[in-house]
PDB file of N, CA and C in Angstrom:
ATOM      1  N   MET A   1      78.523-133.062 -97.162  1.00  0.00           N
ATOM      2  CA  MET A   1      77.057-131.715 -97.232  1.00  0.00           C
ATOM      3  C   MET A   1      76.862-131.639 -95.267  1.00  0.00           C
ATOM      4  N   PRO A   2      76.880-132.639 -94.531  1.00  0.00           N
ATOM      5  CA  PRO A   2      75.482-132.983 -93.525  1.00  0.00           C
ATOM      6  C   PRO A   2      76.826-131.740 -92.659  1.00  0.00           C
ATOM      7  N   ASP A   3      77.790-132.128 -92.675  1.00  0.00           N
ATOM      8  CA  ASP A   3      78.651-130.844 -91.470  1.00  0.00           C
ATOM      9  C   ASP A   3      78.476-129.720 -92.169  1.00  0.00           C
ATOM     10  N   ASN A   4      79.018-129.597 -93.911  1.00  0.00           N
ATOM     11  CA  ASN A   4      78.782-127.818 -93.835  1.00  0.00           C
ATOM     12  C   ASN A   4      77.243-127.818 -93.691  1.00  0.00           C
ATOM     13  N   ALA A   5      76.007-128.624 -94.458  1.00  0.00           N
ATOM     14  CA  ALA A   5      74.471-127.946 -94.150  1.00  0.00           C
ATOM     15  C   ALA A   5      74.726-127.563 -92.107  1.00  0.00           C
ATOM     16  N   ARG A   6      75.248-127.934 -91.222  1.00  0.00           N
ATOM     17  CA  ARG A   6      74.923-128.155 -89.312  1.00  0.00           C
ATOM     18  C   ARG A   6      75.558-126.028 -89.323  1.00  0.00           C
ATOM     19  N   GLN A   7      77.061-126.648 -89.324  1.00  0.00           N
ATOM     20  CA  GLN A   7      77.761-125.604 -90.091  1.00  0.00           C
ATOM     21  C   GLN A   7      76.778-123.621 -90.431  1.00  0.00           C
ATOM     22  N   HIS A   8      76.500-123.956 -91.745  1.00  0.00           N
ATOM     23  CA  HIS A   8      76.026-123.030 -92.148  1.00  0.00           C
ATOM     24  C   HIS A   8      74.071-122.930 -91.306  1.00  0.00           C
ATOM     25  N   ALA A   9      73.989-123.639 -91.109  1.00  0.00           N
ATOM     26  CA  ALA A   9      72.320-123.709 -89.725  1.00  0.00           C
ATOM     27  C   ALA A   9      72.645-123.454 -88.113  1.00  0.00           C
ATOM     28  N   HIS A  10      74.062-123.543 -88.107  1.00  0.00           N
ATOM     29  CA  HIS A  10      74.598-122.913 -86.572  1.00  0.00           C
ATOM     30  C   HIS A  10      74.980-121.616 -86.748  1.00  0.00           C
ATOM     31  N   GLU A  11      75.643-120.787 -87.618  1.00  0.00           N
ATOM     32  CA  GLU A  11      75.880-119.780 -88.322  1.00  0.00           C
ATOM     33  C   GLU A  11      74.089-118.722 -88.976  1.00  0.00           C
ATOM     34  N   LEU A  12      73.243-119.443 -88.940  1.00  0.00           N
ATOM     35  CA  LEU A  12      72.223-118.519 -88.891  1.00  0.00           C
ATOM     36  C   LEU A  12      71.591-118.018 -88.203  1.00  0.00           C
ATOM     37  N   VAL A  13      71.029-120.080 -87.010  1.00  0.00           N
ATOM     38  CA  VAL A  13      70.553-119.548 -85.483  1.00  0.00           C
ATOM     39  C   VAL A  13      71.752-118.552 -85.034  1.00  0.00           C
ATOM     40  N   GLU A  14      72.466-118.114 -84.923  1.00  0.00           N
ATOM     41  CA  GLU A  14      73.985-116.705 -84.528  1.00  0.00           C
ATOM     42  C   GLU A  14      73.056-115.818 -84.341  1.00  0.00           C
ATOM     43  N   GLN A  15      72.415-115.351 -85.887  1.00  0.00           N
ATOM     44  CA  GLN A  15      72.112-114.207 -86.514  1.00  0.00           C
ATOM     45  C   GLN A  15      70.516-113.636 -86.459  1.00  0.00           C
ATOM     46  N   LEU A  16      69.620-114.847 -85.068  1.00  0.00           N
ATOM     47  CA  LEU A  16      68.529-114.572 -85.518  1.00  0.00           C
ATOM     48  C   LEU A  16      68.488-113.492 -84.356  1.00  0.00           C
ATOM     49  N   GLY A  17      66.778-112.644 -84.190  1.00  0.00           N
ATOM     50  CA  GLY A  17      66.535-112.758 -83.207  1.00  0.00           C
ATOM     51  C   GLY A  17      65.966-112.820 -81.705  1.00  0.00           C
ATOM     52  N   PRO A  18      65.220-113.086 -80.446  1.00  0.00           N
ATOM     53  CA  PRO A  18      64.963-113.056 -79.770  1.00  0.00           C
ATOM     54  C   PRO A  18      63.584-114.031 -80.456  1.00  0.00           C
ATOM     55  N   GLY A  19      62.306-113.266 -80.375  1.00  0.00           N
ATOM     56  CA  GLY A  19      61.047-114.182 -81.385  1.00  0.00           C
ATOM     57  C   GLY A  19      61.806-115.001 -82.308  1.00  0.00           C
ATOM     58  N   GLN A  20      62.611-114.634 -83.464  1.00  0.00           N
ATOM     59  CA  GLN A  20      63.374-115.224 -83.993  1.00  0.00           C
ATOM     60  C   GLN A  20      63.323-116.785 -83.958  1.00  0.00           C
ATOM     61  N   LEU A  21      64.315-116.458 -82.520  1.00  0.00           N
ATOM     62  CA  LEU A  21      64.941-118.125 -82.357  1.00  0.00           C
ATOM     63  C   LEU A  21      64.146-119.003 -81.500  1.00  0.00           C
ATOM     64  N   ALA A  22      62.943-117.935 -81.002  1.00  0.00           N
ATOM     65  CA  ALA A  22      62.233-119.177 -80.033  1.00  0.00           C
ATOM     66  C   ALA A  22      60.942-120.154 -81.773  1.00  0.00           C
ATOM     67  N   ALA A  23      61.135-118.782 -82.027  1.00  0.00           N
ATOM     68  CA  ALA A  23      60.533-119.734 -83.314  1.00  0.00           C
ATOM     69  C   ALA A  23      60.921-121.172 -84.071  1.00  0.00           C
ATOM     70  N   VAL A  24      62.328-120.719 -84.264  1.00  0.00           N
ATOM     71  CA  VAL A  24      62.949-121.731 -84.520  1.00  0.00           C
ATOM     72  C   VAL A  24      62.875-123.127 -83.783  1.00  0.00           C
ATOM     73  N   VAL A  25      63.699-122.307 -82.193  1.00  0.00           N
ATOM     74  CA  VAL A  25      63.095-124.210 -81.505  1.00  0.00           C
ATOM     75  C   VAL A  25      62.130-124.467 -80.950  1.00  0.00           C
ATOM     76  N   HIS A  26      60.937-123.716 -81.753  1.00  0.00           N
ATOM     77  CA  HIS A  26      59.757-124.243 -81.535  1.00  0.00           C
ATOM     78  C   HIS A  26      59.450-125.519 -82.253  1.00  0.00           C
ATOM     79  N   LEU A  27      59.593-124.375 -84.053  1.00  0.00           N
ATOM     80  CA  LEU A  27      59.598-125.487 -84.989  1.00  0.00           C
ATOM     81  C   LEU A  27      60.578-126.786 -84.888  1.00  0.00           C
ATOM     82  N   LEU A  28      61.433-126.236 -84.437  1.00  0.00           N
ATOM     83  CA  LEU A  28      62.447-127.492 -84.232  1.00  0.00           C
ATOM     84  C   LEU A  28      62.090-129.548 -83.630  1.00  0.00           C
ATOM     85  N   GLN A  29      61.909-128.364 -81.955  1.00  0.00           N
ATOM     86  CA  GLN A  29      61.128-129.346 -81.194  1.00  0.00           C
ATOM     87  C   GLN A  29      60.416-130.212 -81.578  1.00  0.00           C
ATOM     88  N   VAL A  30      58.911-129.549 -83.025  1.00  0.00           N
ATOM     89  CA  VAL A  30      58.205-129.700 -83.950  1.00  0.00           C
ATOM     90  C   VAL A  30      58.251-130.831 -84.587  1.00  0.00           C
ATOM     91  N   MET A  31      59.879-130.912 -85.214  1.00  0.00           N
ATOM     92  CA  MET A  31      60.275-131.952 -86.448  1.00  0.00           C
ATOM     93  C   MET A  31      60.289-133.290 -85.540  1.00  0.00           C
ATOM     94  N   LEU A  32      61.562-132.525 -84.356  1.00  0.00           N
ATOM     95  CA  LEU A  32      61.797-133.948 -83.333  1.00  0.00           C
ATOM     96  C   LEU A  32      61.200-134.940 -83.014  1.00  0.00           C
ATOM     97  N   GLN A  33      59.740-134.192 -82.241  1.00  0.00           N
ATOM     98  CA  GLN A  33      58.250-134.973 -81.747  1.00  0.00           C
ATOM     99  C   GLN A  33      58.903-136.290 -82.106  1.00  0.00           C
ATOM    100  N   ASP A  34      58.303-137.208 -81.405  1.00  0.00           N
ATOM    101  CA  ASP A  34      58.178-139.033 -81.124  1.00  0.00           C
ATOM    102  C   ASP A  34      56.706-138.917 -82.387  1.00  0.00           C
ATOM    103  N   GLU A  35      57.525-140.206 -83.258  1.00  0.00           N
ATOM    104  CA  GLU A  35      55.381-140.320 -83.901  1.00  0.00           C
ATOM    105  C   GLU A  35      54.912-140.393 -83.990  1.00  0.00           C
ATOM    106  N   GLU A  36      54.825-140.535 -81.796  1.00  0.00           N
ATOM    107  CA  GLU A  36      53.540-141.400 -80.854  1.00  0.00           C
ATOM    108  C   GLU A  36      52.478-140.148 -81.515  1.00  0.00           C
ATOM    109  N   SER A  37      52.729-139.347 -81.391  1.00  0.00           N
ATOM    110  CA  SER A  37      50.851-138.167 -81.832  1.00  0.00           C
ATOM    111  C   SER A  37      50.719-137.786 -83.026  1.00  0.00           C
ATOM    112  N   VAL A  38      51.045-139.076 -83.974  1.00  0.00           N
ATOM    113  CA  VAL A  38      50.117-140.394 -85.057  1.00  0.00           C
ATOM    114  C   VAL A  38      50.190-141.368 -84.948  1.00  0.00           C
ATOM    115  N   THR A  39      48.560-141.598 -85.086  1.00  0.00           N
ATOM    116  CA  THR A  39      47.529-142.751 -84.523  1.00  0.00           C
ATOM    117  C   THR A  39      47.521-143.480 -85.621  1.00  0.00           C
ATOM    118  N   ASP A  40      47.136-144.474 -85.756  1.00  0.00           N
ATOM    119  CA  ASP A  40      46.321-146.198 -86.306  1.00  0.00           C
ATOM    120  C   ASP A  40      44.854-145.473 -87.225  1.00  0.00           C
ATOM    121  N   GLU A  41      43.833-144.140 -86.062  1.00  0.00           N
ATOM    122  CA  GLU A  41      42.835-144.258 -86.162  1.00  0.00           C
ATOM    123  C   GLU A  41      42.662-143.131 -87.484  1.00  0.00           C
ATOM    124  N   ASP A  42      44.256-142.179 -86.726  1.00  0.00           N
ATOM    125  CA  ASP A  42      44.765-140.600 -87.587  1.00  0.00           C
ATOM    126  C   ASP A  42      44.567-141.232 -89.136  1.00  0.00           C
ATOM    127  N   ARG A  43      45.801-142.599 -88.972  1.00  0.00           N
ATOM    128  CA  ARG A  43      46.317-143.023 -90.770  1.00  0.00           C
ATOM    129  C   ARG A  43      45.440-143.424 -91.803  1.00  0.00           C
ATOM    130  N   ARG A  44      44.595-143.732 -90.963  1.00  0.00           N
ATOM    131  CA  ARG A  44      43.211-144.841 -91.282  1.00  0.00           C
ATOM    132  C   ARG A  44      42.189-143.827 -91.798  1.00  0.00           C
ATOM    133  N   ARG A  45      42.321-142.869 -90.761  1.00  0.00           N
ATOM    134  CA  ARG A  45      41.026-141.839 -91.694  1.00  0.00           C
ATOM    135  C   ARG A  45      41.673-140.914 -93.141  1.00  0.00           C
ATOM    136  N   PHE A  46      43.473-140.668 -92.604  1.00  0.00           N
ATOM    137  CA  PHE A  46      44.045-140.342 -94.019  1.00  0.00           C
ATOM    138  C   PHE A  46      43.608-140.613 -95.235  1.00  0.00           C
ATOM    139  N   HIS A  47      43.906-141.980 -95.121  1.00  0.00           N
ATOM    140  CA  HIS A  47      43.321-143.144 -95.933  1.00  0.00           C
ATOM    141  C   HIS A  47      42.325-142.988 -97.012  1.00  0.00           C
ATOM    142  N   GLN A  48      41.335-142.968 -96.023  1.00  0.00           N
ATOM    143  CA  GLN A  48      39.894-143.346 -95.906  1.00  0.00           C
ATOM    144  C   GLN A  48      39.970-141.245 -97.061  1.00  0.00           C
ATOM    145  N   GLY A  49      39.927-140.440 -95.971  1.00  0.00           N
ATOM    146  CA  GLY A  49      40.359-139.373 -97.735  1.00  0.00           C
ATOM    147  C   GLY A  49      40.765-139.067 -98.606  1.00  0.00           C
ATOM    148  N   GLN A  50      42.269-139.929 -98.675  1.00  0.00           N
ATOM    149  CA  GLN A  50      43.042-140.308-100.583  1.00  0.00           C
ATOM    150  C   GLN A  50      41.210-141.059-101.453  1.00  0.00           C
ATOM    151  N   ALA A  51      40.820-141.915-100.476  1.00  0.00           N
ATOM    152  CA  ALA A  51      40.051-142.501-101.467  1.00  0.00           C
ATOM    153  C   ALA A  51      39.298-142.345-101.741  1.00  0.00           C
ATOM    154  N   TRP A  52      38.396-141.236-100.687  1.00  0.00           N
ATOM    155  CA  TRP A  52      37.125-140.301-101.026  1.00  0.00           C
ATOM    156  C   TRP A  52      37.577-139.385-102.983  1.00  0.00           C
ATOM    157  N   PHE A  53      38.473-139.062-101.906  1.00  0.00           N
ATOM    158  CA  PHE A  53      39.215-137.876-103.673  1.00  0.00           C
ATOM    159  C   PHE A  53      39.406-138.802-105.116  1.00  0.00           C
ATOM    160  N   ALA A  54      40.451-140.008-104.656  1.00  0.00           N
ATOM    161  CA  ALA A  54      39.908-140.376-105.625  1.00  0.00           C
ATOM    162  C   ALA A  54      39.071-141.318-106.836  1.00  0.00           C
ATOM    163  N   GLU A  55      37.846-140.893-105.638  1.00  0.00           N
ATOM    164  CA  GLU A  55      36.516-142.224-106.290  1.00  0.00           C
ATOM    165  C   GLU A  55      35.755-140.518-106.965  1.00  0.00           C
ATOM    166  N   HIS A  56      36.547-139.609-106.338  1.00  0.00           N
ATOM    167  CA  HIS A  56      35.646-138.208-106.933  1.00  0.00           C
ATOM    168  C   HIS A  56      36.661-137.264-107.749  1.00  0.00           C
ATOM    169  N   GLY A  57      37.314-137.910-108.686  1.00  0.00           N
ATOM    170  CA  GLY A  57      38.284-137.604-109.839  1.00  0.00           C
ATOM    171  C   GLY A  57      39.504-135.864-109.055  1.00  0.00           C
ATOM    172  N   GLY A  58      39.335-136.334-107.682  1.00  0.00           N
ATOM    173  CA  GLY A  58      40.675-135.302-107.282  1.00  0.00           C
ATOM    174  C   GLY A  58      39.490-134.038-106.683  1.00  0.00           C
ATOM    175  N   LYS A  59      38.161-134.150-106.623  1.00  0.00           N
ATOM    176  CA  LYS A  59      38.274-132.832-106.266  1.00  0.00           C
ATOM    177  C   LYS A  59      37.252-132.933-105.277  1.00  0.00           C
ATOM    178  N   GLY A  60      37.222-131.632-104.507  1.00  0.00           N
ATOM    179  CA  GLY A  60      36.671-131.672-103.560  1.00  0.00           C
ATOM    180  C   GLY A  60      35.234-131.613-103.359  1.00  0.00           C
ATOM    181  N   ILE A  61      34.370-131.013-102.309  1.00  0.00           N
ATOM    182  CA  ILE A  61      32.809-130.674-102.444  1.00  0.00           C
ATOM    183  C   ILE A  61      32.222-128.683-102.279  1.00  0.00           C
ATOM    184  N   PRO A  62      31.978-128.223-103.648  1.00  0.00           N
ATOM    185  CA  PRO A  62      32.465-126.560-103.726  1.00  0.00           C
ATOM    186  C   PRO A  62      32.097-126.245-102.074  1.00  0.00           C
ATOM    187  N   MET A  63      32.231-124.842-101.552  1.00  0.00           N
ATOM    188  CA  MET A  63      31.896-124.380-100.802  1.00  0.00           C
ATOM    189  C   MET A  63      31.060-124.000-100.721  1.00  0.00           C
ATOM    190  N   GLU A  64      30.222-123.531-102.119  1.00  0.00           N
ATOM    191  CA  GLU A  64      28.866-123.162-101.849  1.00  0.00           C
ATOM    192  C   GLU A  64      27.763-124.062-101.225  1.00  0.00           C
ATOM    193  N   ASP A  65      28.418-125.652-101.833  1.00  0.00           N
ATOM    194  CA  ASP A  65      27.635-126.748-101.741  1.00  0.00           C
ATOM    195  C   ASP A  65      27.367-127.328-100.779  1.00  0.00           C
ATOM    196  N   VAL A  66      28.420-127.026 -99.608  1.00  0.00           N
ATOM    197  CA  VAL A  66      29.028-127.451 -98.040  1.00  0.00           C
ATOM    198  C   VAL A  66      27.453-126.271 -97.481  1.00  0.00           C
ATOM    199  N   LEU A  67      28.674-124.927 -97.895  1.00  0.00           N
ATOM    200  CA  LEU A  67      27.475-123.685 -96.623  1.00  0.00           C
ATOM    201  C   LEU A  67      26.033-124.078 -96.717  1.00  0.00           C
ATOM    202  N   GLY A  68      25.453-124.535 -98.710  1.00  0.00           N
ATOM    203  CA  GLY A  68      24.009-124.465 -99.070  1.00  0.00           C
ATOM    204  C   GLY A  68      23.168-125.736 -97.592  1.00  0.00           C
ATOM    205  N   GLU A  69      24.487-126.312 -97.824  1.00  0.00           N
ATOM    206  CA  GLU A  69      23.080-128.199 -96.818  1.00  0.00           C
ATOM    207  C   GLU A  69      23.403-127.384 -95.472  1.00  0.00           C
ATOM    208  N   PHE A  70      23.414-126.181 -94.913  1.00  0.00           N
ATOM    209  CA  PHE A  70      23.276-125.983 -93.797  1.00  0.00           C
ATOM    210  C   PHE A  70      22.357-123.901 -93.758  1.00  0.00           C
ATOM    211  N   GLY A  71      21.733-123.878 -95.051  1.00  0.00           N
ATOM    212  CA  GLY A  71      20.860-122.626 -95.628  1.00  0.00           C
ATOM    213  C   GLY A  71      21.965-120.895 -95.417  1.00  0.00           C
ATOM    214  N   LEU A  72      23.774-121.931 -95.382  1.00  0.00           N
ATOM    215  CA  LEU A  72      24.114-120.402 -96.341  1.00  0.00           C
ATOM    216  C   LEU A  72      24.600-119.979 -97.129  1.00  0.00           C
ATOM    217  N   LYS A  73      25.172-119.239 -97.006  1.00  0.00           N
ATOM    218  CA  LYS A  73      25.573-118.582 -98.459  1.00  0.00           C
ATOM    219  C   LYS A  73      26.952-117.549 -98.247  1.00  0.00           C
ATOM    220  N   PRO A  74      27.912-117.633 -98.734  1.00  0.00           N
ATOM    221  CA  PRO A  74      29.457-116.856 -99.117  1.00  0.00           C
ATOM    222  C   PRO A  74      29.300-115.306 -98.301  1.00  0.00           C
ATOM    223  N   GLU A  75      28.759-114.926 -98.674  1.00  0.00           N
ATOM    224  CA  GLU A  75      28.108-113.766 -98.558  1.00  0.00           C
ATOM    225  C   GLU A  75      27.824-113.440 -96.789  1.00  0.00           C
ATOM    226  N   ASP A  76      26.993-114.910 -96.615  1.00  0.00           N
ATOM    227  CA  ASP A  76      26.896-114.274 -94.995  1.00  0.00           C
ATOM    228  C   ASP A  76      28.380-114.507 -94.230  1.00  0.00           C
ATOM    229  N   PHE A  77      29.412-114.739 -94.777  1.00  0.00           N
ATOM    230  CA  PHE A  77      30.682-114.816 -94.062  1.00  0.00           C
ATOM    231  C   PHE A  77      31.612-113.749 -95.108  1.00  0.00           C
ATOM    232  N   PRO A  78      31.261-111.660 -94.374  1.00  0.00           N
ATOM    233  CA  PRO A  78      32.087-110.975 -94.840  1.00  0.00           C
ATOM    234  C   PRO A  78      33.868-111.446 -94.963  1.00  0.00           C
ATOM    235  N   LEU A  79      34.866-111.443 -96.344  1.00  0.00           N
ATOM    236  CA  LEU A  79      35.701-110.969 -95.658  1.00  0.00           C
ATOM    237  C   LEU A  79      36.003-109.821 -94.999  1.00  0.00           C
ATOM    238  N   GLY A  80      37.315-109.291 -93.633  1.00  0.00           N
ATOM    239  CA  GLY A  80      37.793-108.798 -93.783  1.00  0.00           C
ATOM    240  C   GLY A  80      37.335-107.741 -92.404  1.00  0.00           C
ATOM    241  N   SER A  81      37.601-106.883 -92.566  1.00  0.00           N
ATOM    242  CA  SER A  81      36.027-105.646 -91.662  1.00  0.00           C
ATOM    243  C   SER A  81      36.424-103.846 -92.204  1.00  0.00           C
TER     244      SER A  81
END
């Protein structure tokens, strides 16, 4: 199956336009990046976040509450123009 998948990928790449090809190349580069970009601090904070959500029943803080701490409300941020 891996050879089939590789061949299929090659066939699909051949059909892409220049902009699409550039996007795919960028995606592949990101996928192949070295793990060094994720630090121990990143992992620690990720696990802290998971623990926080577990302690709060898997729910975050409502946006209205966050904005309220700054004296704001959702209406202060109109969508679209």
